[in-house]
Amino acid sequence: QVQLQESGPGLVKPSQTLSLTCTVSGGSITTNYYFWSWIRQPPGKGLEWMGAIAYSGSTYYSPSLKSRTSISRDTSKNQFTLQLSSVTPEDTAVYYCARGHVLGSNDYWGRGTLVTVSS
């Protein structure tokens, strides 16, 4: 059973960089042919796919967030990370990490972590 767990600060100041880590257990992030995604849900709004890193290390980003988003991984720790720069209060959301065979379709999700952007 694959398990994903998000971790990181719950409060970030405007203009700073939001950094979150997803720790994966029960499966390797290098296993063919999975994608490991970050998805967020602002309060009262729908889910928004932010980007993903593939089993190969290739990265994919939402066009609307590409200029501010970076996803990387540490295979020795079986973790992948999200960095979102120049945050504003509009980036306040529950952030999820997830796994899928196809971009945008995920079978395992973390429980999510709320990140609030506020001074």
Protein backbone atom coordinates (compact mmCIF):
# COMPACT_ATOMS: atom_id res chain seq x y z
CA GLN A 1 0.00 0.00 0.00
CA VAL A 2 1.49 3.29 -1.11
CA GLN A 3 1.30 6.12 1.39
CA LEU A 4 2.10 9.78 0.85
CA GLN A 5 2.61 12.39 3.55
CA GLU A 6 2.95 16.13 3.01
CA SER A 7 5.07 18.22 5.37
CA GLY A 8 6.14 21.83 5.62
CA PRO A 9 5.28 25.17 7.18
CA GLY A 10 1.64 25.98 7.69
CA LEU A 11 2.19 29.72 7.44
CA VAL A 12 4.17 31.62 4.82
CA LYS A 13 4.55 35.37 4.44
CA PRO A 14 3.64 37.13 1.20
CA SER A 15 6.49 37.34 -1.35
CA GLN A 16 8.28 34.39 0.25
CA THR A 17 8.74 30.89 -1.17
CA LEU A 18 6.44 28.08 -0.10
CA SER A 19 8.27 24.77 0.29
CA LEU A 20 6.58 21.41 0.87
CA THR A 21 7.90 17.87 0.94
CA CYS A 22 6.05 14.67 0.13
CA THR A 23 7.44 11.53 1.74
CA VAL A 24 6.44 8.31 0.00
CA SER A 25 6.34 4.87 1.61
CA GLY A 26 5.30 1.50 0.23
CA GLY A 27 6.68 2.24 -3.22
CA SER A 28 9.60 3.92 -4.95
CA ILE A 29 9.26 7.26 -6.73
CA THR A 30 11.52 5.87 -9.46
CA THR A 31 9.24 2.94 -10.29
CA ASN A 32 8.10 2.86 -13.95
CA TYR A 33 5.83 4.60 -15.05
CA TYR A 34 4.39 6.76 -12.29
CA PHE A 35 3.93 10.50 -12.04
CA TRP A 36 4.13 12.24 -8.67
CA SER A 37 2.00 15.36 -8.54
CA TRP A 38 1.25 18.39 -6.45
CA ILE A 39 -2.36 19.55 -6.37
CA ARG A 40 -3.97 22.29 -4.34
CA GLN A 41 -7.44 23.38 -3.32
CA PRO A 42 -8.05 26.96 -2.20
CA PRO A 43 -10.85 27.49 0.32
CA GLY A 44 -14.21 27.16 -1.38
CA LYS A 45 -12.69 26.33 -4.77
CA GLY A 46 -11.91 23.26 -6.82
CA LEU A 47 -8.76 21.21 -7.18
CA GLU A 48 -5.89 22.69 -9.20
CA TRP A 49 -3.10 20.51 -10.58
CA MET A 50 0.19 22.35 -10.13
CA GLY A 51 2.78 20.04 -11.59
CA ALA A 52 4.46 16.67 -11.41
CA ILE A 53 7.74 14.84 -11.50
CA ALA A 54 7.91 11.56 -13.37
CA TYR A 55 9.64 8.31 -12.42
CA SER A 56 12.39 9.39 -14.83
CA GLY A 57 12.89 12.75 -13.15
CA SER A 58 11.21 14.75 -15.91
CA THR A 59 9.05 17.59 -14.67
CA TYR A 60 5.73 18.97 -15.89
CA TYR A 61 4.05 22.19 -14.79
CA SER A 62 0.71 23.92 -15.09
CA PRO A 63 1.14 26.76 -17.57
CA SER A 64 -0.51 29.18 -15.16
CA LEU A 65 1.99 28.41 -12.39
CA LYS A 66 5.08 27.43 -14.36
CA SER A 67 6.94 30.68 -13.78
CA ARG A 68 6.71 30.29 -9.99
CA THR A 69 6.84 26.51 -9.50
CA SER A 70 9.69 24.06 -9.12
CA ILE A 71 9.39 20.35 -8.35
CA SER A 72 12.38 18.23 -7.45
CA ARG A 73 13.12 14.91 -5.77
CA ASP A 74 15.50 13.14 -3.43
CA THR A 75 15.54 9.51 -4.46
CA SER A 76 17.68 8.51 -1.47
CA LYS A 77 14.87 9.66 0.84
CA ASN A 78 12.03 8.70 -1.51
CA GLN A 79 10.73 12.26 -1.33
CA PHE A 80 9.69 14.92 -3.79
CA THR A 81 9.34 18.60 -3.08
CA LEU A 82 7.36 21.63 -4.22
CA GLN A 83 8.62 25.18 -4.23
CA LEU A 84 6.24 28.02 -5.10
CA SER A 85 7.84 31.44 -5.20
CA SER A 86 6.47 34.95 -4.70
CA VAL A 87 3.38 33.74 -2.89
CA THR A 88 0.33 35.91 -2.25
CA PRO A 89 -2.74 35.31 -0.08
CA GLU A 90 -4.35 33.78 -3.19
CA ASP A 91 -1.93 30.85 -2.78
CA THR A 92 -3.60 29.91 0.50
CA ALA A 93 -4.85 26.36 0.01
CA VAL A 94 -4.74 22.77 1.10
CA TYR A 95 -1.81 21.25 -0.75
CA TYR A 96 -1.84 17.57 -1.70
CA CYS A 97 0.73 15.23 -3.14
CA ALA A 98 -0.46 12.29 -5.20
CA ARG A 99 0.59 9.43 -7.46
CA GLY A 100 -0.77 8.46 -10.82
CA HIS A 101 -0.08 6.49 -13.99
CA VAL A 102 -1.34 9.38 -16.10
CA LEU A 103 -0.90 13.11 -15.54
CA GLY A 104 -4.06 14.41 -13.95
CA SER A 105 -5.34 11.03 -12.83
CA ASN A 106 -4.20 9.93 -9.40
CA ASP A 107 -4.81 6.76 -7.45
CA TYR A 108 -3.06 7.54 -4.17
CA TRP A 109 -3.21 10.84 -2.31
CA GLY A 110 -1.72 12.33 0.79
CA ARG A 111 -4.05 13.72 3.42
CA GLY A 112 -3.18 17.28 2.49
CA THR A 113 -1.68 20.15 4.42
CA LEU A 114 -3.09 23.63 4.82
CA VAL A 115 -0.75 26.45 3.91
CA THR A 116 -1.84 29.97 4.76
CA VAL A 117 -0.16 32.98 3.17
CA SER A 118 -0.42 35.91 5.51
CA SER A 119 1.72 38.58 7.07
